[in-house]
Amino acid sequence: MSPRKPPRTPRTQLRVARLVKAHGLKGALKLELYTDDPDRRFTPGATFALQVPTSSSWHGKSLELSELRFYNGSPVAFFVGVDDRTAAETLVKAVLWIDQDLDEVTDEEDAWFDHQLVGLSAVRDGQTVGQIARVEHLPAQDLLVVATDAGEVLVPFVKAIVPSVDVEAGIVTLTPPVGLFEEIPDSDAAEGSETEAGSGEAGSRRPAAAGDEKPSADEADDAAADETSADTESPEAE
């Protein structure tokens, strides 16, 4: 009789970086990091699943890191088998994903992995208005996508609108502006725009990653092509 195997820890995948452009002539690539812990994620021998178009020669393949360096504060990676600039240029815009245990939590304050947020109830004034379907990572800020009976609502993930997240209770508390979850008459909308003119945004908050991980403004030109739903599912071809 075969020995009983221990149960496997549930795992998901997290987006940790995007390959921005070739650097130098020896196959290096500049990274845009979506992780706050590159020393942990980018160690020699670490492997990454690739999110690339189906037409790419890299589709279905993975990369092994040989070295991570910083040049003028910018992370630059060297990968096994990527030996020259020509090869590196075929990887530009590729997104790197890693395996992640679902029970792992982040130590960062006011930060969550996407899979911790997906499925939580969105509560407004004590009433459940929907459920968090996914997290969208955009250049300006992150958005919580709330699935409601009327369709999906995009909620800016900022402290002024999302004052609290209670993962254990399964609740995300929302204080959205009038009109975000319902239509308002034109007269009320005009009056509201005059009242709110000049108001600023409160301190922004972000989940820990596309996983881990945070987008930056450099992603603006490629957001439409590279962004996937941030529910941390396995990468798919675009």
C-alpha atoms as a PDB file:
ATOM      1  CA  MET A   1       0.000   0.000   0.000  1.00  0.00           C
ATOM      2  CA  SER A   2       1.427   3.356  -1.028  1.00  0.00           C
ATOM      3  CA  PRO A   3       2.128   5.902   1.701  1.00  0.00           C
ATOM      4  CA  ARG A   4      -0.382   8.659   1.943  1.00  0.00           C
ATOM      5  CA  LYS A   5       0.785  11.896   0.372  1.00  0.00           C
ATOM      6  CA  PRO A   6       0.383  15.095   2.367  1.00  0.00           C
ATOM      7  CA  PRO A   7      -2.192  17.501   0.929  1.00  0.00           C
ATOM      8  CA  ARG A   8      -0.811  20.128  -1.377  1.00  0.00           C
ATOM      9  CA  THR A   9      -0.899  23.751  -0.320  1.00  0.00           C
ATOM     10  CA  PRO A  10      -3.328  25.647  -2.577  1.00  0.00           C
ATOM     11  CA  ARG A  11      -1.402  27.859  -4.960  1.00  0.00           C
ATOM     12  CA  THR A  12      -2.076  30.662  -7.373  1.00  0.00           C
ATOM     13  CA  GLN A  13       0.099  32.846  -9.577  1.00  0.00           C
ATOM     14  CA  LEU A  14       1.183  36.408  -8.959  1.00  0.00           C
ATOM     15  CA  ARG A  15       2.399  38.987 -11.435  1.00  0.00           C
ATOM     16  CA  VAL A  16       5.760  40.360 -10.304  1.00  0.00           C
ATOM     17  CA  ALA A  17       7.272  42.307 -13.197  1.00  0.00           C
ATOM     18  CA  ARG A  18       7.107  43.406 -16.795  1.00  0.00           C
ATOM     19  CA  LEU A  19      10.063  43.407 -19.175  1.00  0.00           C
ATOM     20  CA  VAL A  20      10.280  46.997 -20.401  1.00  0.00           C
ATOM     21  CA  LYS A  21      13.196  47.154 -22.845  1.00  0.00           C
ATOM     22  CA  ALA A  22      16.519  45.622 -23.773  1.00  0.00           C
ATOM     23  CA  HIS A  23      19.527  46.941 -21.874  1.00  0.00           C
ATOM     24  CA  GLY A  24      22.980  46.759 -23.414  1.00  0.00           C
ATOM     25  CA  LEU A  25      24.248  44.092 -25.773  1.00  0.00           C
ATOM     26  CA  LYS A  26      24.428  41.017 -23.509  1.00  0.00           C
ATOM     27  CA  GLY A  27      20.733  40.113 -23.260  1.00  0.00           C
ATOM     28  CA  ALA A  28      19.804  42.153 -20.197  1.00  0.00           C
ATOM     29  CA  LEU A  29      16.294  43.552 -19.805  1.00  0.00           C
ATOM     30  CA  LYS A  30      15.055  46.480 -17.766  1.00  0.00           C
ATOM     31  CA  LEU A  31      12.223  45.546 -15.410  1.00  0.00           C
ATOM     32  CA  GLU A  32       9.141  47.315 -14.176  1.00  0.00           C
ATOM     33  CA  LEU A  33       8.595  45.730 -10.775  1.00  0.00           C
ATOM     34  CA  TYR A  34       5.191  44.892  -9.330  1.00  0.00           C
ATOM     35  CA  THR A  35       6.680  43.592  -6.083  1.00  0.00           C
ATOM     36  CA  ASP A  36       7.917  45.352  -2.969  1.00  0.00           C
ATOM     37  CA  ASP A  37      10.373  42.539  -2.280  1.00  0.00           C
ATOM     38  CA  PRO A  38      12.613  42.088  -5.350  1.00  0.00           C
ATOM     39  CA  ASP A  39      15.443  40.596  -3.280  1.00  0.00           C
ATOM     40  CA  ARG A  40      13.141  37.713  -2.402  1.00  0.00           C
ATOM     41  CA  ARG A  41      11.408  37.270  -5.750  1.00  0.00           C
ATOM     42  CA  PHE A  42      14.425  37.765  -8.015  1.00  0.00           C
ATOM     43  CA  THR A  43      17.113  35.405  -6.751  1.00  0.00           C
ATOM     44  CA  PRO A  44      19.421  33.501  -9.112  1.00  0.00           C
ATOM     45  CA  GLY A  45      17.641  30.345 -10.267  1.00  0.00           C
ATOM     46  CA  ALA A  46      14.138  31.769  -9.809  1.00  0.00           C
ATOM     47  CA  THR A  47      11.811  30.778 -12.643  1.00  0.00           C
ATOM     48  CA  PHE A  48       8.983  32.820 -14.104  1.00  0.00           C
ATOM     49  CA  ALA A  49       6.024  31.926 -16.269  1.00  0.00           C
ATOM     50  CA  LEU A  50       5.683  34.233 -19.250  1.00  0.00           C
ATOM     51  CA  GLN A  51       2.617  36.108 -20.381  1.00  0.00           C
ATOM     52  CA  VAL A  52       3.154  36.856 -24.064  1.00  0.00           C
ATOM     53  CA  PRO A  53       1.019  36.840 -27.225  1.00  0.00           C
ATOM     54  CA  THR A  54       0.361  33.440 -28.803  1.00  0.00           C
ATOM     55  CA  SER A  55       2.372  34.561 -31.824  1.00  0.00           C
ATOM     56  CA  SER A  56       5.515  35.008 -29.703  1.00  0.00           C
ATOM     57  CA  SER A  57       8.260  32.406 -29.880  1.00  0.00           C
ATOM     58  CA  TRP A  58       8.260  32.539 -26.062  1.00  0.00           C
ATOM     59  CA  HIS A  59       4.631  31.478 -25.708  1.00  0.00           C
ATOM     60  CA  GLY A  60       4.290  28.571 -23.293  1.00  0.00           C
ATOM     61  CA  LYS A  61       7.872  28.906 -22.078  1.00  0.00           C
ATOM     62  CA  SER A  62       9.440  30.107 -18.830  1.00  0.00           C
ATOM     63  CA  LEU A  63      12.516  32.124 -17.899  1.00  0.00           C
ATOM     64  CA  GLU A  64      15.213  31.381 -15.338  1.00  0.00           C
ATOM     65  CA  LEU A  65      16.920  34.342 -13.697  1.00  0.00           C
ATOM     66  CA  SER A  66      20.698  34.331 -13.676  1.00  0.00           C
ATOM     67  CA  GLU A  67      21.233  37.748 -12.078  1.00  0.00           C
ATOM     68  CA  LEU A  68      19.457  40.938 -11.048  1.00  0.00           C
ATOM     69  CA  ARG A  69      21.378  44.215 -11.000  1.00  0.00           C
ATOM     70  CA  PHE A  70      20.477  47.836 -10.437  1.00  0.00           C
ATOM     71  CA  TYR A  71      21.719  50.548 -12.784  1.00  0.00           C
ATOM     72  CA  ASN A  72      21.014  54.115 -11.677  1.00  0.00           C
ATOM     73  CA  GLY A  73      18.320  52.746  -9.410  1.00  0.00           C
ATOM     74  CA  SER A  74      16.596  50.767 -12.176  1.00  0.00           C
ATOM     75  CA  PRO A  75      16.354  46.947 -11.961  1.00  0.00           C
ATOM     76  CA  VAL A  76      17.962  45.072 -14.836  1.00  0.00           C
ATOM     77  CA  ALA A  77      17.681  41.293 -15.186  1.00  0.00           C
ATOM     78  CA  PHE A  78      19.781  38.676 -16.947  1.00  0.00           C
ATOM     79  CA  PHE A  79      18.099  35.395 -17.893  1.00  0.00           C
ATOM     80  CA  VAL A  80      19.463  31.989 -18.818  1.00  0.00           C
ATOM     81  CA  GLY A  81      19.447  31.534 -22.589  1.00  0.00           C
ATOM     82  CA  VAL A  82      18.954  35.223 -23.383  1.00  0.00           C
ATOM     83  CA  ASP A  83      22.466  36.023 -24.499  1.00  0.00           C
ATOM     84  CA  ASP A  84      22.243  39.068 -26.737  1.00  0.00           C
ATOM     85  CA  ARG A  85      20.192  42.166 -27.428  1.00  0.00           C
ATOM     86  CA  THR A  86      18.331  40.546 -30.325  1.00  0.00           C
ATOM     87  CA  ALA A  87      16.997  37.801 -28.053  1.00  0.00           C
ATOM     88  CA  ALA A  88      16.179  40.321 -25.332  1.00  0.00           C
ATOM     89  CA  GLU A  89      14.122  42.441 -27.700  1.00  0.00           C
ATOM     90  CA  THR A  90      11.822  39.465 -28.404  1.00  0.00           C
ATOM     91  CA  LEU A  91      10.855  39.526 -24.707  1.00  0.00           C
ATOM     92  CA  VAL A  92       9.964  43.214 -24.429  1.00  0.00           C
ATOM     93  CA  LYS A  93       6.484  43.726 -22.896  1.00  0.00           C
ATOM     94  CA  ALA A  94       6.388  40.167 -21.514  1.00  0.00           C
ATOM     95  CA  VAL A  95       4.902  39.863 -18.018  1.00  0.00           C
ATOM     96  CA  LEU A  96       6.543  37.635 -15.392  1.00  0.00           C
ATOM     97  CA  TRP A  97       4.467  35.455 -13.063  1.00  0.00           C
ATOM     98  CA  ILE A  98       5.432  33.281 -10.090  1.00  0.00           C
ATOM     99  CA  ASP A  99       3.721  30.569  -8.081  1.00  0.00           C
ATOM    100  CA  GLN A 100       2.346  31.730  -4.742  1.00  0.00           C
ATOM    101  CA  ASP A 101       0.836  29.943  -1.734  1.00  0.00           C
ATOM    102  CA  LEU A 102      -2.716  31.142  -1.147  1.00  0.00           C
ATOM    103  CA  ASP A 103      -2.223  31.203   2.615  1.00  0.00           C
ATOM    104  CA  GLU A 104       0.724  33.606   2.430  1.00  0.00           C
ATOM    105  CA  VAL A 105       0.024  37.139   3.629  1.00  0.00           C
ATOM    106  CA  THR A 106       1.864  40.403   3.104  1.00  0.00           C
ATOM    107  CA  ASP A 107       3.541  42.279   5.933  1.00  0.00           C
ATOM    108  CA  GLU A 108       2.869  45.625   4.299  1.00  0.00           C
ATOM    109  CA  GLU A 109       0.319  47.819   6.065  1.00  0.00           C
ATOM    110  CA  ASP A 110      -2.939  48.423   4.178  1.00  0.00           C
ATOM    111  CA  ALA A 111      -1.924  46.040   1.409  1.00  0.00           C
ATOM    112  CA  TRP A 112      -3.436  42.782   0.219  1.00  0.00           C
ATOM    113  CA  PHE A 113      -2.840  40.204  -2.436  1.00  0.00           C
ATOM    114  CA  ASP A 114      -5.532  40.279  -5.082  1.00  0.00           C
ATOM    115  CA  HIS A 115      -6.790  36.810  -4.193  1.00  0.00           C
ATOM    116  CA  GLN A 116      -7.476  38.041  -0.647  1.00  0.00           C
ATOM    117  CA  LEU A 117      -9.841  40.702  -1.990  1.00  0.00           C
ATOM    118  CA  VAL A 118     -11.662  38.736  -4.660  1.00  0.00           C
ATOM    119  CA  GLY A 119     -14.954  37.383  -3.330  1.00  0.00           C
ATOM    120  CA  LEU A 120     -15.307  39.836  -0.434  1.00  0.00           C
ATOM    121  CA  SER A 121     -18.650  41.562   0.033  1.00  0.00           C
ATOM    122  CA  ALA A 122     -18.799  45.245  -0.900  1.00  0.00           C
ATOM    123  CA  VAL A 123     -20.809  47.021   1.808  1.00  0.00           C
ATOM    124  CA  ARG A 124     -22.200  50.556   1.628  1.00  0.00           C
ATOM    125  CA  ASP A 125     -24.129  52.122   4.514  1.00  0.00           C
ATOM    126  CA  GLY A 126     -24.502  48.697   6.093  1.00  0.00           C
ATOM    127  CA  GLN A 127     -25.999  47.164   2.948  1.00  0.00           C
ATOM    128  CA  THR A 128     -24.248  44.729   0.631  1.00  0.00           C
ATOM    129  CA  VAL A 129     -24.130  46.244  -2.853  1.00  0.00           C
ATOM    130  CA  GLY A 130     -22.086  43.570  -4.573  1.00  0.00           C
ATOM    131  CA  GLN A 131     -18.999  41.398  -4.485  1.00  0.00           C
ATOM    132  CA  ILE A 132     -15.385  42.090  -5.416  1.00  0.00           C
ATOM    133  CA  ALA A 133     -14.895  40.348  -8.754  1.00  0.00           C
ATOM    134  CA  ARG A 134     -11.287  41.341  -9.402  1.00  0.00           C
ATOM    135  CA  VAL A 135      -8.728  44.119  -9.043  1.00  0.00           C
ATOM    136  CA  GLU A 136      -7.660  46.205 -12.033  1.00  0.00           C
ATOM    137  CA  HIS A 137      -4.142  47.678 -11.849  1.00  0.00           C
ATOM    138  CA  LEU A 138      -3.974  50.902 -13.846  1.00  0.00           C
ATOM    139  CA  PRO A 139      -1.162  53.463 -14.121  1.00  0.00           C
ATOM    140  CA  ALA A 140      -2.928  56.111 -12.034  1.00  0.00           C
ATOM    141  CA  GLN A 141      -4.435  53.863  -9.353  1.00  0.00           C
ATOM    142  CA  ASP A 142      -5.946  50.464  -8.645  1.00  0.00           C
ATOM    143  CA  LEU A 143      -9.651  49.795  -9.138  1.00  0.00           C
ATOM    144  CA  LEU A 144     -11.889  47.331  -7.323  1.00  0.00           C
ATOM    145  CA  VAL A 145     -14.310  45.769  -9.781  1.00  0.00           C
ATOM    146  CA  VAL A 146     -17.568  45.257  -7.889  1.00  0.00           C
ATOM    147  CA  ALA A 147     -20.093  42.853  -9.412  1.00  0.00           C
ATOM    148  CA  THR A 148     -23.626  44.110  -8.744  1.00  0.00           C
ATOM    149  CA  ASP A 149     -27.087  43.082  -9.968  1.00  0.00           C
ATOM    150  CA  ALA A 150     -26.907  45.933 -12.479  1.00  0.00           C
ATOM    151  CA  GLY A 151     -23.437  45.060 -13.757  1.00  0.00           C
ATOM    152  CA  GLU A 152     -19.839  45.809 -12.819  1.00  0.00           C
ATOM    153  CA  VAL A 153     -18.865  49.034 -11.030  1.00  0.00           C
ATOM    154  CA  LEU A 154     -15.282  50.296 -10.985  1.00  0.00           C
ATOM    155  CA  VAL A 155     -14.375  51.667  -7.558  1.00  0.00           C
ATOM    156  CA  PRO A 156     -11.113  53.609  -7.075  1.00  0.00           C
ATOM    157  CA  PHE A 157      -9.089  51.803  -4.427  1.00  0.00           C
ATOM    158  CA  VAL A 158      -8.343  54.899  -2.363  1.00  0.00           C
ATOM    159  CA  LYS A 159      -8.856  55.492   1.346  1.00  0.00           C
ATOM    160  CA  ALA A 160     -11.536  58.148   0.809  1.00  0.00           C
ATOM    161  CA  ILE A 161     -13.770  55.620  -0.974  1.00  0.00           C
ATOM    162  CA  VAL A 162     -12.537  52.343   0.558  1.00  0.00           C
ATOM    163  CA  PRO A 163     -11.967  53.251   4.223  1.00  0.00           C
ATOM    164  CA  SER A 164     -11.585  49.676   5.483  1.00  0.00           C
ATOM    165  CA  VAL A 165     -10.938  46.114   4.377  1.00  0.00           C
ATOM    166  CA  ASP A 166     -11.677  43.250   6.764  1.00  0.00           C
ATOM    167  CA  VAL A 167     -10.504  40.051   5.133  1.00  0.00           C
ATOM    168  CA  GLU A 168     -11.475  37.866   8.088  1.00  0.00           C
ATOM    169  CA  ALA A 169     -15.017  39.250   8.122  1.00  0.00           C
ATOM    170  CA  GLY A 170     -15.180  39.126   4.343  1.00  0.00           C
ATOM    171  CA  ILE A 171     -16.152  42.791   4.028  1.00  0.00           C
ATOM    172  CA  VAL A 172     -14.884  45.761   2.054  1.00  0.00           C
ATOM    173  CA  THR A 173     -16.514  48.968   3.305  1.00  0.00           C
ATOM    174  CA  LEU A 174     -17.273  51.567   0.652  1.00  0.00           C
ATOM    175  CA  THR A 175     -18.144  55.262   0.923  1.00  0.00           C
ATOM    176  CA  PRO A 176     -18.571  56.064  -2.775  1.00  0.00           C
ATOM    177  CA  PRO A 177     -19.609  59.434  -4.164  1.00  0.00           C
ATOM    178  CA  VAL A 178     -23.205  59.855  -5.282  1.00  0.00           C
ATOM    179  CA  GLY A 179     -23.689  58.431  -8.747  1.00  0.00           C
ATOM    180  CA  LEU A 180     -21.028  55.740  -8.644  1.00  0.00           C
ATOM    181  CA  PHE A 181     -23.535  52.965  -7.928  1.00  0.00           C
ATOM    182  CA  GLU A 182     -26.692  54.660  -9.190  1.00  0.00           C
ATOM    183  CA  GLU A 183     -27.822  57.094 -11.834  1.00  0.00           C
ATOM    184  CA  ILE A 184     -28.761  60.576 -10.690  1.00  0.00           C
ATOM    185  CA  PRO A 185     -30.935  63.204 -12.413  1.00  0.00           C
ATOM    186  CA  ASP A 186     -29.110  65.697 -14.622  1.00  0.00           C
ATOM    187  CA  SER A 187     -29.983  68.588 -12.324  1.00  0.00           C
ATOM    188  CA  ASP A 188     -28.491  66.822  -9.305  1.00  0.00           C
ATOM    189  CA  ALA A 189     -25.381  65.874 -11.265  1.00  0.00           C
ATOM    190  CA  ALA A 190     -24.779  69.489 -12.276  1.00  0.00           C
ATOM    191  CA  GLU A 191     -25.236  70.685  -8.710  1.00  0.00           C
ATOM    192  CA  GLY A 192     -22.889  67.994  -7.400  1.00  0.00           C
ATOM    193  CA  SER A 193     -20.135  68.902  -9.847  1.00  0.00           C
ATOM    194  CA  GLU A 194     -20.176  72.505  -8.606  1.00  0.00           C
ATOM    195  CA  THR A 195     -20.012  71.388  -4.993  1.00  0.00           C
ATOM    196  CA  GLU A 196     -17.131  68.930  -5.506  1.00  0.00           C
ATOM    197  CA  ALA A 197     -14.989  71.175  -7.716  1.00  0.00           C
ATOM    198  CA  GLY A 198     -11.457  71.476  -6.340  1.00  0.00           C
ATOM    199  CA  SER A 199     -11.654  68.521  -3.989  1.00  0.00           C
ATOM    200  CA  GLY A 200      -8.522  66.371  -3.896  1.00  0.00           C
ATOM    201  CA  GLU A 201      -7.990  62.646  -3.618  1.00  0.00           C
ATOM    202  CA  ALA A 202      -7.142  61.145  -0.245  1.00  0.00           C
ATOM    203  CA  GLY A 203      -4.103  58.932   0.223  1.00  0.00           C
ATOM    204  CA  SER A 204      -4.150  56.069  -2.260  1.00  0.00           C
ATOM    205  CA  ARG A 205      -4.010  52.464  -1.224  1.00  0.00           C
ATOM    206  CA  ARG A 206      -2.990  49.484  -3.238  1.00  0.00           C
ATOM    207  CA  PRO A 207      -3.034  45.700  -2.995  1.00  0.00           C
ATOM    208  CA  ALA A 208       0.326  43.989  -2.850  1.00  0.00           C
ATOM    209  CA  ALA A 209       0.588  42.720  -6.354  1.00  0.00           C
ATOM    210  CA  ALA A 210      -0.744  41.692  -9.384  1.00  0.00           C
ATOM    211  CA  GLY A 211      -0.295  39.801  -7.739  1.00  0.00           C
ATOM    212  CA  ASP A 212       2.295  40.908  -5.247  1.00  0.00           C
ATOM    213  CA  GLU A 213       2.435  43.860  -6.585  1.00  0.00           C
ATOM    214  CA  LYS A 214       2.282  47.351  -7.646  1.00  0.00           C
ATOM    215  CA  PRO A 215       2.051  49.019 -11.061  1.00  0.00           C
ATOM    216  CA  SER A 216       3.725  52.297 -11.879  1.00  0.00           C
ATOM    217  CA  ALA A 217       3.105  55.190 -14.214  1.00  0.00           C
ATOM    218  CA  ASP A 218       5.569  53.715 -16.742  1.00  0.00           C
ATOM    219  CA  GLU A 219       2.883  51.186 -17.660  1.00  0.00           C
ATOM    220  CA  ALA A 220       0.558  53.776 -19.174  1.00  0.00           C
ATOM    221  CA  ASP A 221       1.490  53.131 -22.800  1.00  0.00           C
ATOM    222  CA  ASP A 222       0.951  49.381 -22.503  1.00  0.00           C
ATOM    223  CA  ALA A 223      -1.868  49.123 -19.938  1.00  0.00           C
ATOM    224  CA  ALA A 224      -4.514  48.129 -22.469  1.00  0.00           C
ATOM    225  CA  ALA A 225      -2.354  45.372 -23.974  1.00  0.00           C
ATOM    226  CA  ASP A 226      -0.599  43.958 -20.906  1.00  0.00           C
ATOM    227  CA  GLU A 227      -3.099  44.265 -18.081  1.00  0.00           C
ATOM    228  CA  THR A 228      -4.981  41.105 -17.171  1.00  0.00           C
ATOM    229  CA  SER A 229      -7.717  40.738 -14.643  1.00  0.00           C
ATOM    230  CA  ALA A 230      -5.916  40.937 -11.344  1.00  0.00           C
ATOM    231  CA  ASP A 231      -7.610  38.029  -9.694  1.00  0.00           C
ATOM    232  CA  THR A 232      -4.225  36.343  -9.897  1.00  0.00           C
ATOM    233  CA  GLU A 233      -5.238  33.558 -12.211  1.00  0.00           C
ATOM    234  CA  SER A 234      -2.711  31.771 -14.380  1.00  0.00           C
ATOM    235  CA  PRO A 235      -1.380  33.917 -17.274  1.00  0.00           C
ATOM    236  CA  GLU A 236      -3.066  33.526 -20.626  1.00  0.00           C
ATOM    237  CA  ALA A 237      -2.126  34.699 -24.030  1.00  0.00           C
ATOM    238  CA  GLU A 238      -3.531  37.968 -25.104  1.00  0.00           C
END
